[in-house]
Protein backbone atom coordinates (compact mmCIF):
# COMPACT_ATOMS: atom_id res chain seq x y z
CA MET A 1 57.09 85.42 146.01
CA ALA A 2 57.45 88.29 148.46
CA TYR A 3 59.49 87.64 151.59
CA THR A 4 57.30 89.98 153.65
CA THR A 5 53.86 91.53 153.40
CA GLN A 6 52.19 94.76 154.40
CA ALA A 7 50.50 92.85 157.24
CA ASP A 8 53.92 91.71 158.51
CA LEU A 9 55.17 95.30 158.43
CA THR A 10 52.06 96.55 160.25
CA GLU A 11 52.47 93.87 162.91
CA ARG A 12 56.17 94.66 163.42
CA TYR A 13 56.24 98.46 163.09
CA GLY A 14 52.63 99.53 163.62
CA GLU A 15 50.14 101.16 161.30
CA ALA A 16 50.97 104.68 162.51
CA MET A 17 54.58 104.34 161.36
CA LEU A 18 53.54 102.97 157.97
CA ILE A 19 51.10 105.86 157.52
CA ASP A 20 53.89 108.33 158.36
CA LEU A 21 56.22 106.69 155.82
CA THR A 22 53.77 106.12 152.95
CA ASP A 23 51.13 108.87 153.04
CA ARG A 24 53.03 111.18 150.67
CA GLY A 25 50.23 112.87 148.73
CA GLU A 26 49.53 116.62 148.57
CA THR A 27 46.73 116.11 151.05
CA ALA A 28 47.13 113.55 153.79
CA THR A 29 44.65 110.68 153.66
CA GLY A 30 45.60 109.11 156.97
CA THR A 31 45.92 105.66 155.40
CA VAL A 32 48.76 103.40 154.34
CA ASP A 33 49.54 103.72 150.62
CA ALA A 34 49.69 100.06 149.53
CA ASP A 35 51.41 100.91 146.22
CA VAL A 36 54.31 102.60 148.00
CA VAL A 37 54.64 99.65 150.40
CA ASN A 38 54.54 97.10 147.57
CA ARG A 39 57.27 98.98 145.64
CA ALA A 40 59.48 99.04 148.74
CA ILE A 41 58.87 95.31 149.30
CA SER A 42 59.72 94.55 145.65
CA ASP A 43 62.94 96.55 145.88
CA ALA A 44 63.95 94.76 149.10
CA ASP A 45 63.16 91.36 147.61
CA ALA A 46 65.21 92.12 144.50
CA LEU A 47 68.19 93.05 146.67
CA ILE A 48 67.81 89.87 148.73
CA ASP A 49 67.51 87.72 145.60
CA GLY A 50 70.73 89.28 144.30
CA TYR A 51 72.59 88.05 147.37
CA LEU A 52 70.91 84.63 147.43
CA ALA A 53 71.19 83.82 143.71
CA GLY A 54 74.72 82.43 143.88
CA ARG A 55 73.99 79.99 146.71
CA TYR A 56 70.32 79.07 146.60
CA ILE A 57 67.72 78.01 144.05
CA LEU A 58 65.27 80.86 143.58
CA PRO A 59 62.46 81.37 144.27
CA LEU A 60 62.76 79.86 147.73
CA SER A 61 60.01 77.29 148.30
CA VAL A 62 59.72 78.26 151.97
CA THR A 63 60.85 81.62 153.32
CA PRO A 64 63.29 81.13 156.21
CA ALA A 65 62.50 83.33 159.23
CA ILE A 66 65.77 85.24 158.91
CA ILE A 67 64.93 86.24 155.32
CA GLY A 68 61.54 87.57 156.44
CA THR A 69 63.26 89.66 159.11
CA ILE A 70 65.87 90.94 156.65
CA SER A 71 63.14 91.82 154.15
CA ARG A 72 61.20 93.82 156.75
CA GLN A 73 64.33 95.71 157.81
CA ILE A 74 65.28 96.61 154.24
CA THR A 75 61.68 97.51 153.31
CA ILE A 76 61.36 99.96 156.21
CA TRP A 77 64.73 101.46 155.20
CA ASN A 78 63.42 101.83 151.63
CA LEU A 79 60.28 103.58 152.87
CA CYS A 80 62.31 106.24 154.70
CA ILE A 81 62.71 108.97 152.09
CA TYR A 82 64.35 111.26 154.63
CA LYS A 83 67.02 110.41 157.18
CA PRO A 84 65.90 107.28 159.07
CA ASP A 85 66.26 107.08 162.83
CA ASP A 86 69.29 105.32 164.28
CA LYS A 87 67.47 102.02 164.97
CA ILE A 88 66.26 101.69 161.36
CA ALA A 89 69.74 102.53 160.05
CA ALA A 90 71.38 99.99 162.39
CA ASP A 91 68.85 97.31 161.42
CA TYR A 92 69.50 97.99 157.72
CA LYS A 93 73.27 97.68 158.16
CA GLU A 94 72.80 94.43 160.08
CA ALA A 95 70.51 93.08 157.35
CA ILE A 96 73.10 93.85 154.66
CA ARG A 97 75.84 92.25 156.79
CA GLN A 98 73.74 89.10 157.15
CA LEU A 99 73.09 89.02 153.40
CA GLN A 100 76.84 89.28 152.78
CA GLN A 101 77.40 86.36 155.17
CA ILE A 102 74.75 84.32 153.35
CA ALA A 103 76.37 85.10 150.00
CA ALA A 104 79.79 84.12 151.39
CA GLY A 105 78.42 80.90 152.85
CA THR A 106 79.22 81.66 156.49
CA LEU A 107 75.51 81.98 157.32
CA LYS A 108 73.49 79.08 155.97
CA LEU A 109 69.77 78.93 155.24
CA ASP A 110 67.53 75.90 155.50
CA ALA A 111 66.77 75.98 151.77
CA ALA A 112 67.69 74.12 148.61
CA GLY A 113 71.10 75.30 147.49
CA VAL A 114 73.00 75.39 144.27
CA THR A 115 75.48 72.53 144.15
CA PRO A 116 79.01 73.76 143.59
CA ALA A 117 80.79 72.65 140.45
CA THR A 118 83.18 69.77 141.12
CA THR A 119 86.58 69.28 139.56
CA GLY A 120 86.23 65.52 139.25
CA SER A 121 88.87 64.72 141.83
CA ALA A 122 87.81 63.20 145.09
CA GLY A 123 90.97 63.61 147.12
CA ALA A 124 94.48 62.15 147.11
CA ARG A 125 95.71 60.36 144.01
CA VAL A 126 97.62 57.09 144.38
CA THR A 127 99.61 55.26 141.71
CA ASP A 128 100.90 51.72 141.88
CA ARG A 129 103.76 51.92 139.38
CA GLU A 130 107.32 51.33 140.45
CA ARG A 131 109.41 54.30 141.55
CA PRO A 132 112.19 55.15 139.10
CA MET A 133 114.45 56.66 141.76
CA THR A 134 115.11 54.44 144.71
CA GLU A 135 117.96 54.10 147.17
CA THR A 136 119.44 51.31 145.06
CA SER A 137 119.30 53.15 141.73
CA LEU A 138 120.83 56.28 143.25
CA LYS A 139 123.69 54.43 144.96
CA GLY A 140 126.72 56.63 144.94
CA PHE A 141 124.74 59.89 144.66
CA ILE A 142 123.30 59.82 148.18
């Protein structure tokens, strides 16, 4: 399941920008190349899944809004074959930072997560046996 679509990218960045980034043929067609967009989306989704795999059950049943935003930012970065402008570069760095926070657990998603392995202990351990060293048994040493 893709976290973003070509329609989402067109809505966010405009068709003119997508044409500029994807119309790479010898002769310009003036249209968005859907194959190029789909490859960039697949690459972005694979990167996102790599960060999410340790914390969440994939594929996500519902795409959280933040993941859609991150996917759009990474996809546009992937489409830039030359140096991207400063805004796209800053958005990409922010998207990667957010993915690192998700992977570390400091940024949580509203999605089904992987339950961490437990050690079997539930806290403090208490015993009821008698203490071998008491004030009485150590009389003369204290």
